[in-house]
Amino acid sequence: MLTQYKEKAPVRGVLFDVDGVILDTECLYSRFWMEACHYFGFPMTKEQSLQMRSLNKTAGQEKFHALFGPAADYATIRQKRIELMDAFVEKEGVAAKPGIYALLDALDEKGIPCAITSSSPYQRLERYLTPLKLFHRFQKVITGYDVPKGKPEPDIYLRGAADLEIAPNGCLALEDSPAGILSAYRAGCLPVLIPDQDCPGEDTLSLLYAKADTLTDVIALL
């Protein structure tokens, strides 16, 4: 199902978040944030883990300290989360979200370029996406490490649009998190929410161009 909140606009490019949008990995981030925190004696809840989604290191540390106080060593716990998740993915792999192949095929048919705009590092994106034959499907790959400020600041979406040589207001920005939607909105893109782990609040809904149940539903916006 597709819900459009604003008047339909021409789409000249599409910018993709990865975790929770292209890959079914947000559940893993949530799981291993909780496991890493419990390992160091901080009882993180599922709700708290979801608040860490898509945040850059600075924003992530601020949120983490807001949850557990300044004594909580964000860098050490984050590294433990990475180690736990990497070990799991090495053994079990990751799955693609429903509709990603159909949407990319539709973009190819219409000649609409697309880019990755993810907070994750390039090497991890390549490692996760290549076995699924997805990495080569994107014309550009921009990470949070390529811009001065990560999500929820607008830098990554401004860079994604610029790399595709398209004005931000001609780009759909596909996201699953409030921080990602805010980043896209601040950049002047057309934010589209595909909910993954939870339902969005009214503050997030107010920023949306559209909301889609799956990536297949996004095809109707092209």
C-alpha atoms as a PDB file:
ATOM      1  CA  MET A   1       0.000   0.000   0.000  1.00  0.00           C
ATOM      2  CA  LEU A   2       1.187   3.512  -0.848  1.00  0.00           C
ATOM      3  CA  THR A   3       0.124   6.684   0.962  1.00  0.00           C
ATOM      4  CA  GLN A   4       1.132   9.961  -0.654  1.00  0.00           C
ATOM      5  CA  TYR A   5       1.084  13.068   1.511  1.00  0.00           C
ATOM      6  CA  LYS A   6       2.122  15.719  -0.970  1.00  0.00           C
ATOM      7  CA  GLU A   7       1.372  16.556  -4.595  1.00  0.00           C
ATOM      8  CA  LYS A   8       3.119  14.222  -7.022  1.00  0.00           C
ATOM      9  CA  ALA A   9       6.471  15.525  -8.240  1.00  0.00           C
ATOM     10  CA  PRO A  10       8.702  14.425 -11.155  1.00  0.00           C
ATOM     11  CA  VAL A  11      11.267  11.840 -10.029  1.00  0.00           C
ATOM     12  CA  ARG A  12      14.668  12.061 -11.679  1.00  0.00           C
ATOM     13  CA  GLY A  13      16.691  10.012  -9.196  1.00  0.00           C
ATOM     14  CA  VAL A  14      16.338   7.734  -6.189  1.00  0.00           C
ATOM     15  CA  LEU A  15      18.536   7.702  -3.084  1.00  0.00           C
ATOM     16  CA  PHE A  16      18.526   4.552  -0.953  1.00  0.00           C
ATOM     17  CA  ASP A  17      19.282   3.990   2.686  1.00  0.00           C
ATOM     18  CA  VAL A  18      20.508   0.399   3.109  1.00  0.00           C
ATOM     19  CA  ASP A  19      19.843  -1.054   6.559  1.00  0.00           C
ATOM     20  CA  GLY A  20      16.131  -1.668   6.908  1.00  0.00           C
ATOM     21  CA  VAL A  21      15.423  -0.521   3.335  1.00  0.00           C
ATOM     22  CA  ILE A  22      17.551  -2.629   0.973  1.00  0.00           C
ATOM     23  CA  LEU A  23      18.718  -5.155   3.566  1.00  0.00           C
ATOM     24  CA  ASP A  24      16.793  -6.797   6.389  1.00  0.00           C
ATOM     25  CA  THR A  25      19.471  -5.840   8.895  1.00  0.00           C
ATOM     26  CA  GLU A  26      17.854  -3.349  11.284  1.00  0.00           C
ATOM     27  CA  CYS A  27      16.619  -6.263  13.385  1.00  0.00           C
ATOM     28  CA  LEU A  28      20.245  -7.376  13.674  1.00  0.00           C
ATOM     29  CA  TYR A  29      21.467  -3.929  14.699  1.00  0.00           C
ATOM     30  CA  SER A  30      18.786  -3.856  17.381  1.00  0.00           C
ATOM     31  CA  ARG A  31      19.642  -7.353  18.590  1.00  0.00           C
ATOM     32  CA  PHE A  32      23.378  -6.769  18.818  1.00  0.00           C
ATOM     33  CA  TRP A  33      23.113  -3.295  20.349  1.00  0.00           C
ATOM     34  CA  MET A  34      21.153  -4.966  23.139  1.00  0.00           C
ATOM     35  CA  GLU A  35      23.602  -7.863  23.448  1.00  0.00           C
ATOM     36  CA  ALA A  36      26.641  -5.568  23.515  1.00  0.00           C
ATOM     37  CA  CYS A  37      25.052  -3.334  26.127  1.00  0.00           C
ATOM     38  CA  HIS A  38      24.084  -6.272  28.322  1.00  0.00           C
ATOM     39  CA  TYR A  39      27.650  -7.601  28.000  1.00  0.00           C
ATOM     40  CA  PHE A  40      28.922  -4.395  29.634  1.00  0.00           C
ATOM     41  CA  GLY A  41      26.133  -4.206  32.205  1.00  0.00           C
ATOM     42  CA  PHE A  42      23.747  -1.765  30.535  1.00  0.00           C
ATOM     43  CA  PRO A  43      20.238  -3.255  30.150  1.00  0.00           C
ATOM     44  CA  MET A  44      19.215  -1.746  26.812  1.00  0.00           C
ATOM     45  CA  THR A  45      15.614  -2.371  25.762  1.00  0.00           C
ATOM     46  CA  LYS A  46      14.331  -2.985  22.233  1.00  0.00           C
ATOM     47  CA  GLU A  47      12.776   0.488  22.192  1.00  0.00           C
ATOM     48  CA  GLN A  48      16.082   2.057  23.208  1.00  0.00           C
ATOM     49  CA  SER A  49      17.980   0.102  20.555  1.00  0.00           C
ATOM     50  CA  LEU A  50      15.701   1.491  17.847  1.00  0.00           C
ATOM     51  CA  GLN A  51      16.611   5.019  18.903  1.00  0.00           C
ATOM     52  CA  MET A  52      20.182   4.349  17.713  1.00  0.00           C
ATOM     53  CA  ARG A  53      19.156   3.811  14.072  1.00  0.00           C
ATOM     54  CA  SER A  54      20.956   5.735  11.322  1.00  0.00           C
ATOM     55  CA  LEU A  55      22.719   8.094  13.738  1.00  0.00           C
ATOM     56  CA  ASN A  56      26.230   9.282  12.954  1.00  0.00           C
ATOM     57  CA  LYS A  57      28.912   8.716  15.595  1.00  0.00           C
ATOM     58  CA  THR A  58      28.442  12.099  17.250  1.00  0.00           C
ATOM     59  CA  ALA A  59      24.663  11.855  17.378  1.00  0.00           C
ATOM     60  CA  GLY A  60      24.926   8.187  18.362  1.00  0.00           C
ATOM     61  CA  GLN A  61      27.184   8.982  21.297  1.00  0.00           C
ATOM     62  CA  GLU A  62      24.886  11.801  22.425  1.00  0.00           C
ATOM     63  CA  LYS A  63      21.859   9.515  22.293  1.00  0.00           C
ATOM     64  CA  PHE A  64      23.733   6.706  24.048  1.00  0.00           C
ATOM     65  CA  HIS A  65      24.826   8.979  26.893  1.00  0.00           C
ATOM     66  CA  ALA A  66      21.296  10.341  27.168  1.00  0.00           C
ATOM     67  CA  LEU A  67      20.097   6.771  27.658  1.00  0.00           C
ATOM     68  CA  PHE A  68      22.801   5.452  30.001  1.00  0.00           C
ATOM     69  CA  GLY A  69      24.789   8.417  31.262  1.00  0.00           C
ATOM     70  CA  PRO A  70      28.307   9.658  30.441  1.00  0.00           C
ATOM     71  CA  ALA A  71      29.940   6.706  32.210  1.00  0.00           C
ATOM     72  CA  ALA A  72      28.774   4.386  29.426  1.00  0.00           C
ATOM     73  CA  ASP A  73      31.693   3.905  27.005  1.00  0.00           C
ATOM     74  CA  TYR A  74      29.953   4.350  23.673  1.00  0.00           C
ATOM     75  CA  ALA A  75      33.000   3.580  21.507  1.00  0.00           C
ATOM     76  CA  THR A  76      33.786   0.302  23.317  1.00  0.00           C
ATOM     77  CA  ILE A  77      30.185  -0.896  23.344  1.00  0.00           C
ATOM     78  CA  ARG A  78      29.689   0.097  19.701  1.00  0.00           C
ATOM     79  CA  GLN A  79      32.790  -1.888  18.735  1.00  0.00           C
ATOM     80  CA  LYS A  80      31.439  -4.912  20.602  1.00  0.00           C
ATOM     81  CA  ARG A  81      28.161  -4.555  18.706  1.00  0.00           C
ATOM     82  CA  ILE A  82      30.067  -4.494  15.410  1.00  0.00           C
ATOM     83  CA  GLU A  83      32.071  -7.604  16.340  1.00  0.00           C
ATOM     84  CA  LEU A  84      28.969  -9.555  17.373  1.00  0.00           C
ATOM     85  CA  MET A  85      27.022  -8.583  14.268  1.00  0.00           C
ATOM     86  CA  ASP A  86      29.918  -9.222  11.879  1.00  0.00           C
ATOM     87  CA  ALA A  87      30.376 -12.707  13.333  1.00  0.00           C
ATOM     88  CA  PHE A  88      26.677 -13.446  12.882  1.00  0.00           C
ATOM     89  CA  VAL A  89      26.573 -12.153   9.294  1.00  0.00           C
ATOM     90  CA  GLU A  90      29.740 -14.071   8.391  1.00  0.00           C
ATOM     91  CA  LYS A  91      27.973 -17.269   9.412  1.00  0.00           C
ATOM     92  CA  GLU A  92      24.336 -16.592   8.478  1.00  0.00           C
ATOM     93  CA  GLY A  93      24.490 -13.877   5.794  1.00  0.00           C
ATOM     94  CA  VAL A  94      21.858 -11.179   5.318  1.00  0.00           C
ATOM     95  CA  ALA A  95      18.582 -11.064   3.386  1.00  0.00           C
ATOM     96  CA  ALA A  96      17.315  -8.494   0.905  1.00  0.00           C
ATOM     97  CA  LYS A  97      14.093  -6.650   1.662  1.00  0.00           C
ATOM     98  CA  PRO A  98      11.034  -7.578  -0.427  1.00  0.00           C
ATOM     99  CA  GLY A  99      10.677  -5.600  -3.641  1.00  0.00           C
ATOM    100  CA  ILE A 100      14.244  -4.339  -4.042  1.00  0.00           C
ATOM    101  CA  TYR A 101      14.918  -6.221  -7.282  1.00  0.00           C
ATOM    102  CA  ALA A 102      11.579  -5.214  -8.810  1.00  0.00           C
ATOM    103  CA  LEU A 103      12.178  -1.560  -7.918  1.00  0.00           C
ATOM    104  CA  LEU A 104      15.704  -1.546  -9.349  1.00  0.00           C
ATOM    105  CA  ASP A 105      14.429  -3.197 -12.531  1.00  0.00           C
ATOM    106  CA  ALA A 106      11.762  -0.480 -12.823  1.00  0.00           C
ATOM    107  CA  LEU A 107      14.411   2.230 -12.404  1.00  0.00           C
ATOM    108  CA  ASP A 108      16.525   0.636 -15.133  1.00  0.00           C
ATOM    109  CA  GLU A 109      13.536   0.462 -17.474  1.00  0.00           C
ATOM    110  CA  LYS A 110      12.741   4.136 -16.915  1.00  0.00           C
ATOM    111  CA  GLY A 111      16.367   5.262 -17.067  1.00  0.00           C
ATOM    112  CA  ILE A 112      16.246   6.734 -13.546  1.00  0.00           C
ATOM    113  CA  PRO A 113      19.647   6.664 -11.790  1.00  0.00           C
ATOM    114  CA  CYS A 114      20.017   5.663  -8.172  1.00  0.00           C
ATOM    115  CA  ALA A 115      22.567   5.916  -5.394  1.00  0.00           C
ATOM    116  CA  ILE A 116      23.197   4.452  -1.962  1.00  0.00           C
ATOM    117  CA  THR A 117      23.173   6.987   0.873  1.00  0.00           C
ATOM    118  CA  SER A 118      24.008   4.947   3.970  1.00  0.00           C
ATOM    119  CA  SER A 119      25.674   5.629   7.302  1.00  0.00           C
ATOM    120  CA  SER A 120      27.505   2.287   7.042  1.00  0.00           C
ATOM    121  CA  PRO A 121      31.125   2.124   5.814  1.00  0.00           C
ATOM    122  CA  TYR A 122      31.792   1.325   2.162  1.00  0.00           C
ATOM    123  CA  GLN A 123      33.532  -1.994   2.832  1.00  0.00           C
ATOM    124  CA  ARG A 124      30.612  -3.305   4.867  1.00  0.00           C
ATOM    125  CA  LEU A 125      28.108  -2.268   2.201  1.00  0.00           C
ATOM    126  CA  GLU A 126      30.144  -4.007  -0.472  1.00  0.00           C
ATOM    127  CA  ARG A 127      30.479  -7.149   1.666  1.00  0.00           C
ATOM    128  CA  TYR A 128      26.759  -7.350   2.444  1.00  0.00           C
ATOM    129  CA  LEU A 129      25.368  -6.361  -0.974  1.00  0.00           C
ATOM    130  CA  THR A 130      27.688  -8.205  -3.362  1.00  0.00           C
ATOM    131  CA  PRO A 131      26.512 -11.771  -2.553  1.00  0.00           C
ATOM    132  CA  LEU A 132      22.945 -10.603  -3.228  1.00  0.00           C
ATOM    133  CA  LYS A 133      23.997  -9.193  -6.629  1.00  0.00           C
ATOM    134  CA  LEU A 134      22.932  -5.719  -5.534  1.00  0.00           C
ATOM    135  CA  PHE A 135      26.118  -3.714  -5.097  1.00  0.00           C
ATOM    136  CA  HIS A 136      26.634  -3.116  -8.827  1.00  0.00           C
ATOM    137  CA  ARG A 137      23.031  -1.965  -9.335  1.00  0.00           C
ATOM    138  CA  PHE A 138      23.719   1.547  -7.993  1.00  0.00           C
ATOM    139  CA  GLN A 139      25.436   4.295  -9.957  1.00  0.00           C
ATOM    140  CA  LYS A 140      26.941   5.891  -6.835  1.00  0.00           C
ATOM    141  CA  VAL A 141      27.683   4.819  -3.264  1.00  0.00           C
ATOM    142  CA  ILE A 142      27.882   7.536  -0.611  1.00  0.00           C
ATOM    143  CA  THR A 143      28.512   6.698   3.039  1.00  0.00           C
ATOM    144  CA  GLY A 144      28.441   8.637   6.261  1.00  0.00           C
ATOM    145  CA  TYR A 145      32.223   8.652   6.103  1.00  0.00           C
ATOM    146  CA  ASP A 146      32.185  10.667   2.863  1.00  0.00           C
ATOM    147  CA  VAL A 147      30.477  13.748   4.297  1.00  0.00           C
ATOM    148  CA  PRO A 148      31.262  16.199   7.112  1.00  0.00           C
ATOM    149  CA  LYS A 149      28.139  15.342   9.109  1.00  0.00           C
ATOM    150  CA  GLY A 150      26.064  12.174   8.992  1.00  0.00           C
ATOM    151  CA  LYS A 151      22.349  11.648   9.492  1.00  0.00           C
ATOM    152  CA  PRO A 152      20.201  13.370  10.737  1.00  0.00           C
ATOM    153  CA  GLU A 153      22.109  16.266   9.112  1.00  0.00           C
ATOM    154  CA  PRO A 154      21.384  16.729   5.372  1.00  0.00           C
ATOM    155  CA  ASP A 155      24.942  16.274   4.076  1.00  0.00           C
ATOM    156  CA  ILE A 156      24.653  12.710   2.796  1.00  0.00           C
ATOM    157  CA  TYR A 157      21.497  13.397   0.792  1.00  0.00           C
ATOM    158  CA  LEU A 158      22.872  16.617  -0.628  1.00  0.00           C
ATOM    159  CA  ARG A 159      25.980  14.683  -1.700  1.00  0.00           C
ATOM    160  CA  GLY A 160      23.891  11.852  -3.170  1.00  0.00           C
ATOM    161  CA  ALA A 161      21.837  14.235  -5.292  1.00  0.00           C
ATOM    162  CA  ALA A 162      24.950  16.126  -6.372  1.00  0.00           C
ATOM    163  CA  ASP A 163      26.754  12.933  -7.373  1.00  0.00           C
ATOM    164  CA  LEU A 164      23.782  11.969  -9.543  1.00  0.00           C
ATOM    165  CA  GLU A 165      23.774  15.548 -10.907  1.00  0.00           C
ATOM    166  CA  ILE A 166      20.133  15.976  -9.933  1.00  0.00           C
ATOM    167  CA  ALA A 167      18.524  18.667  -7.768  1.00  0.00           C
ATOM    168  CA  PRO A 168      17.470  17.271  -4.361  1.00  0.00           C
ATOM    169  CA  ASN A 169      13.798  18.061  -5.021  1.00  0.00           C
ATOM    170  CA  GLY A 170      13.910  15.597  -7.919  1.00  0.00           C
ATOM    171  CA  CYS A 171      15.140  12.717  -5.763  1.00  0.00           C
ATOM    172  CA  LEU A 172      13.115  10.209  -3.814  1.00  0.00           C
ATOM    173  CA  ALA A 173      14.889   9.390  -0.552  1.00  0.00           C
ATOM    174  CA  LEU A 174      13.937   5.938   0.751  1.00  0.00           C
ATOM    175  CA  GLU A 175      14.295   5.567   4.513  1.00  0.00           C
ATOM    176  CA  ASP A 176      13.052   3.514   7.455  1.00  0.00           C
ATOM    177  CA  SER A 177      14.180   5.646  10.396  1.00  0.00           C
ATOM    178  CA  PRO A 178      13.214   9.044  11.819  1.00  0.00           C
ATOM    179  CA  ALA A 179      16.840  10.230  11.652  1.00  0.00           C
ATOM    180  CA  GLY A 180      17.074   9.258   7.986  1.00  0.00           C
ATOM    181  CA  ILE A 181      13.766  10.915   7.095  1.00  0.00           C
ATOM    182  CA  LEU A 182      14.879  14.105   8.863  1.00  0.00           C
ATOM    183  CA  SER A 183      18.171  14.054   6.952  1.00  0.00           C
ATOM    184  CA  ALA A 184      16.373  13.711   3.608  1.00  0.00           C
ATOM    185  CA  TYR A 185      13.823  16.375   4.487  1.00  0.00           C
ATOM    186  CA  ARG A 186      16.518  18.849   5.497  1.00  0.00           C
ATOM    187  CA  ALA A 187      18.269  18.230   2.170  1.00  0.00           C
ATOM    188  CA  GLY A 188      15.112  19.117   0.249  1.00  0.00           C
ATOM    189  CA  CYS A 189      14.551  15.610  -1.120  1.00  0.00           C
ATOM    190  CA  LEU A 190      11.235  13.754  -1.372  1.00  0.00           C
ATOM    191  CA  PRO A 191      11.312  11.584   1.781  1.00  0.00           C
ATOM    192  CA  VAL A 192       9.602   8.209   1.486  1.00  0.00           C
ATOM    193  CA  LEU A 193       9.221   6.061   4.590  1.00  0.00           C
ATOM    194  CA  ILE A 194       9.189   2.274   4.339  1.00  0.00           C
ATOM    195  CA  PRO A 195       8.578   1.294   7.989  1.00  0.00           C
ATOM    196  CA  ASP A 196      10.705  -1.573   9.257  1.00  0.00           C
ATOM    197  CA  GLN A 197      10.976  -2.098  13.018  1.00  0.00           C
ATOM    198  CA  ASP A 198       8.282   0.241  14.324  1.00  0.00           C
ATOM    199  CA  CYS A 199       5.533   2.674  13.374  1.00  0.00           C
ATOM    200  CA  PRO A 200       6.521   6.310  12.784  1.00  0.00           C
ATOM    201  CA  GLY A 201       5.439   9.125  15.067  1.00  0.00           C
ATOM    202  CA  GLU A 202       3.471  12.154  13.935  1.00  0.00           C
ATOM    203  CA  ASP A 203       6.635  14.278  13.879  1.00  0.00           C
ATOM    204  CA  THR A 204       8.116  11.944  11.248  1.00  0.00           C
ATOM    205  CA  LEU A 205       4.886  11.587   9.268  1.00  0.00           C
ATOM    206  CA  SER A 206       4.694  15.371   8.934  1.00  0.00           C
ATOM    207  CA  LEU A 207       7.952  15.373   6.939  1.00  0.00           C
ATOM    208  CA  LEU A 208       6.973  12.705   4.417  1.00  0.00           C
ATOM    209  CA  TYR A 209       6.377  12.902   0.711  1.00  0.00           C
ATOM    210  CA  ALA A 210       4.949   9.374   0.864  1.00  0.00           C
ATOM    211  CA  LYS A 211       4.831   6.177   2.934  1.00  0.00           C
ATOM    212  CA  ALA A 212       5.061   2.721   1.352  1.00  0.00           C
ATOM    213  CA  ASP A 213       4.517  -0.696   2.882  1.00  0.00           C
ATOM    214  CA  THR A 214       7.178  -2.260   0.621  1.00  0.00           C
ATOM    215  CA  LEU A 215       9.699  -1.229  -1.992  1.00  0.00           C
ATOM    216  CA  THR A 216       7.384  -2.609  -4.675  1.00  0.00           C
ATOM    217  CA  ASP A 217       4.862   0.101  -3.730  1.00  0.00           C
ATOM    218  CA  VAL A 218       7.478   2.778  -4.477  1.00  0.00           C
ATOM    219  CA  ILE A 219       7.285   1.942  -8.195  1.00  0.00           C
ATOM    220  CA  ALA A 220       3.988   3.851  -8.373  1.00  0.00           C
ATOM    221  CA  LEU A 221       5.853   7.068  -7.481  1.00  0.00           C
ATOM    222  CA  LEU A 222       8.200   6.899 -10.476  1.00  0.00           C
END
